[in-house]
């Protein structure tokens, strides 16, 4: 029943939107906080980590 609402509609778009938002937020936080020195490096590293974690979630999700 994961990925589907009670009324039967699929949540794929909502899940993708949440993933895109999390990647953008991680990138923005990395740019402004700059924990790795350079803002661009920090944005790339944190955005990359968010992207990889979201991709891994999709790869290991159980399909029906």
N, C-alpha and C. Protein backbone atom coordinates (compact mmCIF):
# COMPACT_ATOMS: atom_id res chain seq x y z
N UNK A 1 0.82 -1.19 0.00
CA UNK A 1 0.00 0.00 0.00
C UNK A 1 0.86 1.26 0.00
N UNK A 2 2.20 1.08 0.09
CA UNK A 2 3.08 2.23 0.09
C UNK A 2 3.09 2.87 -1.29
N UNK A 3 3.09 4.19 -1.33
CA UNK A 3 3.10 4.90 -2.60
C UNK A 3 1.73 5.10 -3.20
N UNK A 4 0.70 4.81 -2.44
CA UNK A 4 -0.65 4.95 -2.95
C UNK A 4 -1.54 5.53 -1.85
N UNK A 5 -2.42 6.41 -2.24
CA UNK A 5 -3.34 7.00 -1.27
C UNK A 5 -4.52 6.08 -1.05
N UNK A 6 -5.33 6.41 -0.06
CA UNK A 6 -6.50 5.59 0.24
C UNK A 6 -7.50 5.57 -0.91
N UNK A 7 -7.57 6.66 -1.65
CA UNK A 7 -8.52 6.71 -2.76
C UNK A 7 -7.96 6.08 -4.04
N UNK A 8 -6.75 5.49 -3.97
CA UNK A 8 -6.20 4.74 -5.08
C UNK A 8 -5.25 5.52 -5.97
N UNK A 9 -5.13 6.83 -5.76
CA UNK A 9 -4.24 7.62 -6.62
C UNK A 9 -2.78 7.38 -6.23
N UNK A 10 -1.93 7.43 -7.21
CA UNK A 10 -0.50 7.17 -7.00
C UNK A 10 0.19 8.41 -6.45
N UNK A 11 1.19 8.23 -5.59
CA UNK A 11 1.92 9.34 -4.97
C UNK A 11 3.30 9.56 -5.60
N UNK A 12 3.55 9.03 -6.77
CA UNK A 12 4.87 9.11 -7.38
C UNK A 12 5.31 10.56 -7.57
N UNK A 13 4.44 11.41 -8.06
CA UNK A 13 4.78 12.82 -8.27
C UNK A 13 5.11 13.53 -6.98
N UNK A 14 4.35 13.24 -5.94
CA UNK A 14 4.58 13.87 -4.63
C UNK A 14 5.92 13.44 -4.06
N UNK A 15 6.26 12.18 -4.22
CA UNK A 15 7.54 11.68 -3.71
C UNK A 15 8.70 12.30 -4.48
N UNK A 16 8.55 12.44 -5.79
CA UNK A 16 9.61 13.07 -6.59
C UNK A 16 9.77 14.54 -6.22
N UNK A 17 8.65 15.22 -5.99
CA UNK A 17 8.70 16.63 -5.60
C UNK A 17 9.40 16.78 -4.25
N UNK A 18 9.12 15.89 -3.32
CA UNK A 18 9.78 15.94 -2.02
C UNK A 18 11.28 15.70 -2.15
N UNK A 19 11.67 14.79 -3.03
CA UNK A 19 13.08 14.53 -3.27
C UNK A 19 13.79 15.73 -3.88
N UNK A 20 13.14 16.35 -4.86
CA UNK A 20 13.73 17.54 -5.49
C UNK A 20 13.86 18.68 -4.48
N UNK A 21 12.85 18.85 -3.64
CA UNK A 21 12.90 19.90 -2.63
C UNK A 21 14.01 19.64 -1.62
N UNK A 22 14.19 18.39 -1.22
CA UNK A 22 15.24 18.09 -0.25
C UNK A 22 16.63 18.34 -0.84
N UNK A 23 16.80 18.04 -2.12
CA UNK A 23 18.09 18.29 -2.77
C UNK A 23 18.35 19.79 -2.85
N UNK A 24 17.33 20.58 -3.22
CA UNK A 24 17.49 22.03 -3.30
C UNK A 24 17.76 22.65 -1.94
N UNK A 25 17.09 22.17 -0.92
CA UNK A 25 17.31 22.69 0.44
C UNK A 25 18.73 22.37 0.91
N UNK A 26 19.18 21.13 0.67
CA UNK A 26 20.54 20.75 1.06
C UNK A 26 21.57 21.59 0.33
N UNK A 27 21.32 21.86 -0.94
CA UNK A 27 22.25 22.68 -1.72
C UNK A 27 22.29 24.11 -1.20
N UNK A 28 21.13 24.67 -0.90
CA UNK A 28 21.06 26.04 -0.38
C UNK A 28 21.73 26.15 1.00
N UNK A 29 21.47 25.18 1.86
CA UNK A 29 22.10 25.17 3.17
C UNK A 29 23.62 25.07 3.03
N UNK A 30 24.07 24.21 2.14
CA UNK A 30 25.51 24.07 1.92
C UNK A 30 26.14 25.35 1.39
N UNK A 31 25.43 26.04 0.52
CA UNK A 31 25.97 27.28 -0.05
C UNK A 31 26.09 28.37 1.01
N UNK A 32 25.05 28.57 1.80
CA UNK A 32 25.05 29.67 2.77
C UNK A 32 25.81 29.33 4.05
N UNK A 33 25.81 28.07 4.46
CA UNK A 33 26.50 27.67 5.68
C UNK A 33 27.98 27.42 5.41
N UNK A 34 28.30 26.87 4.26
CA UNK A 34 29.66 26.61 3.80
C UNK A 34 30.53 25.85 4.82
N UNK A 35 30.12 24.64 5.21
CA UNK A 35 30.91 23.89 6.20
C UNK A 35 32.23 23.36 5.65
N UNK A 36 32.40 23.31 4.33
CA UNK A 36 33.62 22.76 3.73
C UNK A 36 34.49 23.85 3.13
N UNK A 37 34.32 25.08 3.59
CA UNK A 37 35.15 26.18 3.10
C UNK A 37 34.48 26.98 2.00
N UNK A 38 34.59 26.53 0.79
CA UNK A 38 34.01 27.22 -0.36
C UNK A 38 32.49 26.98 -0.42
N UNK A 39 31.70 28.02 -0.69
CA UNK A 39 30.25 27.83 -0.80
C UNK A 39 29.86 26.87 -1.92
N UNK A 40 30.55 26.95 -3.05
CA UNK A 40 30.21 26.08 -4.17
C UNK A 40 30.56 24.62 -3.88
N UNK A 41 31.68 24.41 -3.25
CA UNK A 41 32.07 23.05 -2.87
C UNK A 41 31.08 22.47 -1.86
N UNK A 42 30.72 23.27 -0.87
CA UNK A 42 29.79 22.82 0.16
C UNK A 42 28.43 22.51 -0.44
N UNK A 43 27.96 23.38 -1.34
CA UNK A 43 26.66 23.15 -1.98
C UNK A 43 26.70 21.87 -2.81
N UNK A 44 27.78 21.65 -3.52
CA UNK A 44 27.91 20.44 -4.33
C UNK A 44 27.95 19.17 -3.50
N UNK A 45 28.70 19.21 -2.43
CA UNK A 45 28.83 18.02 -1.57
C UNK A 45 27.51 17.69 -0.90
N UNK A 46 26.88 18.68 -0.26
CA UNK A 46 25.62 18.41 0.44
C UNK A 46 24.49 18.08 -0.52
N UNK A 47 24.43 18.77 -1.66
CA UNK A 47 23.43 18.42 -2.67
C UNK A 47 23.63 17.03 -3.23
N UNK A 48 24.90 16.66 -3.44
CA UNK A 48 25.21 15.32 -3.92
C UNK A 48 24.82 14.23 -2.93
N UNK A 49 25.08 14.49 -1.66
CA UNK A 49 24.70 13.52 -0.63
C UNK A 49 23.18 13.36 -0.60
N UNK A 50 22.44 14.46 -0.69
CA UNK A 50 20.98 14.38 -0.71
C UNK A 50 20.49 13.63 -1.94
N UNK A 51 21.11 13.87 -3.09
CA UNK A 51 20.70 13.19 -4.32
C UNK A 51 20.97 11.70 -4.25
N UNK A 52 22.13 11.33 -3.74
CA UNK A 52 22.47 9.91 -3.63
C UNK A 52 21.55 9.20 -2.65
N UNK A 53 21.24 9.85 -1.53
CA UNK A 53 20.35 9.21 -0.55
C UNK A 53 18.94 9.04 -1.11
N UNK A 54 18.48 10.02 -1.89
CA UNK A 54 17.15 9.89 -2.48
C UNK A 54 17.14 8.81 -3.56
N UNK A 55 18.21 8.73 -4.34
CA UNK A 55 18.31 7.68 -5.36
C UNK A 55 18.37 6.30 -4.72
N UNK A 56 19.11 6.17 -3.64
CA UNK A 56 19.20 4.89 -2.95
C UNK A 56 17.85 4.47 -2.38
N UNK A 57 17.09 5.44 -1.91
CA UNK A 57 15.75 5.14 -1.40
C UNK A 57 14.89 4.56 -2.52
N UNK A 58 15.00 5.15 -3.71
CA UNK A 58 14.23 4.64 -4.84
C UNK A 58 14.68 3.28 -5.32
N UNK A 59 16.00 3.04 -5.26
CA UNK A 59 16.52 1.76 -5.73
C UNK A 59 16.11 0.60 -4.81
N UNK A 60 16.05 0.87 -3.52
CA UNK A 60 15.78 -0.21 -2.58
C UNK A 60 14.33 -0.26 -2.11
N UNK A 61 13.48 0.56 -2.70
CA UNK A 61 12.05 0.51 -2.35
C UNK A 61 11.46 -0.77 -2.93
N UNK A 62 10.57 -1.38 -2.19
CA UNK A 62 9.94 -2.61 -2.67
C UNK A 62 8.86 -2.26 -3.66
N UNK A 63 8.87 -2.98 -4.75
CA UNK A 63 7.86 -2.80 -5.80
C UNK A 63 6.74 -3.81 -5.58
N UNK A 64 5.58 -3.46 -6.12
CA UNK A 64 4.43 -4.38 -5.99
C UNK A 64 4.56 -5.56 -6.91
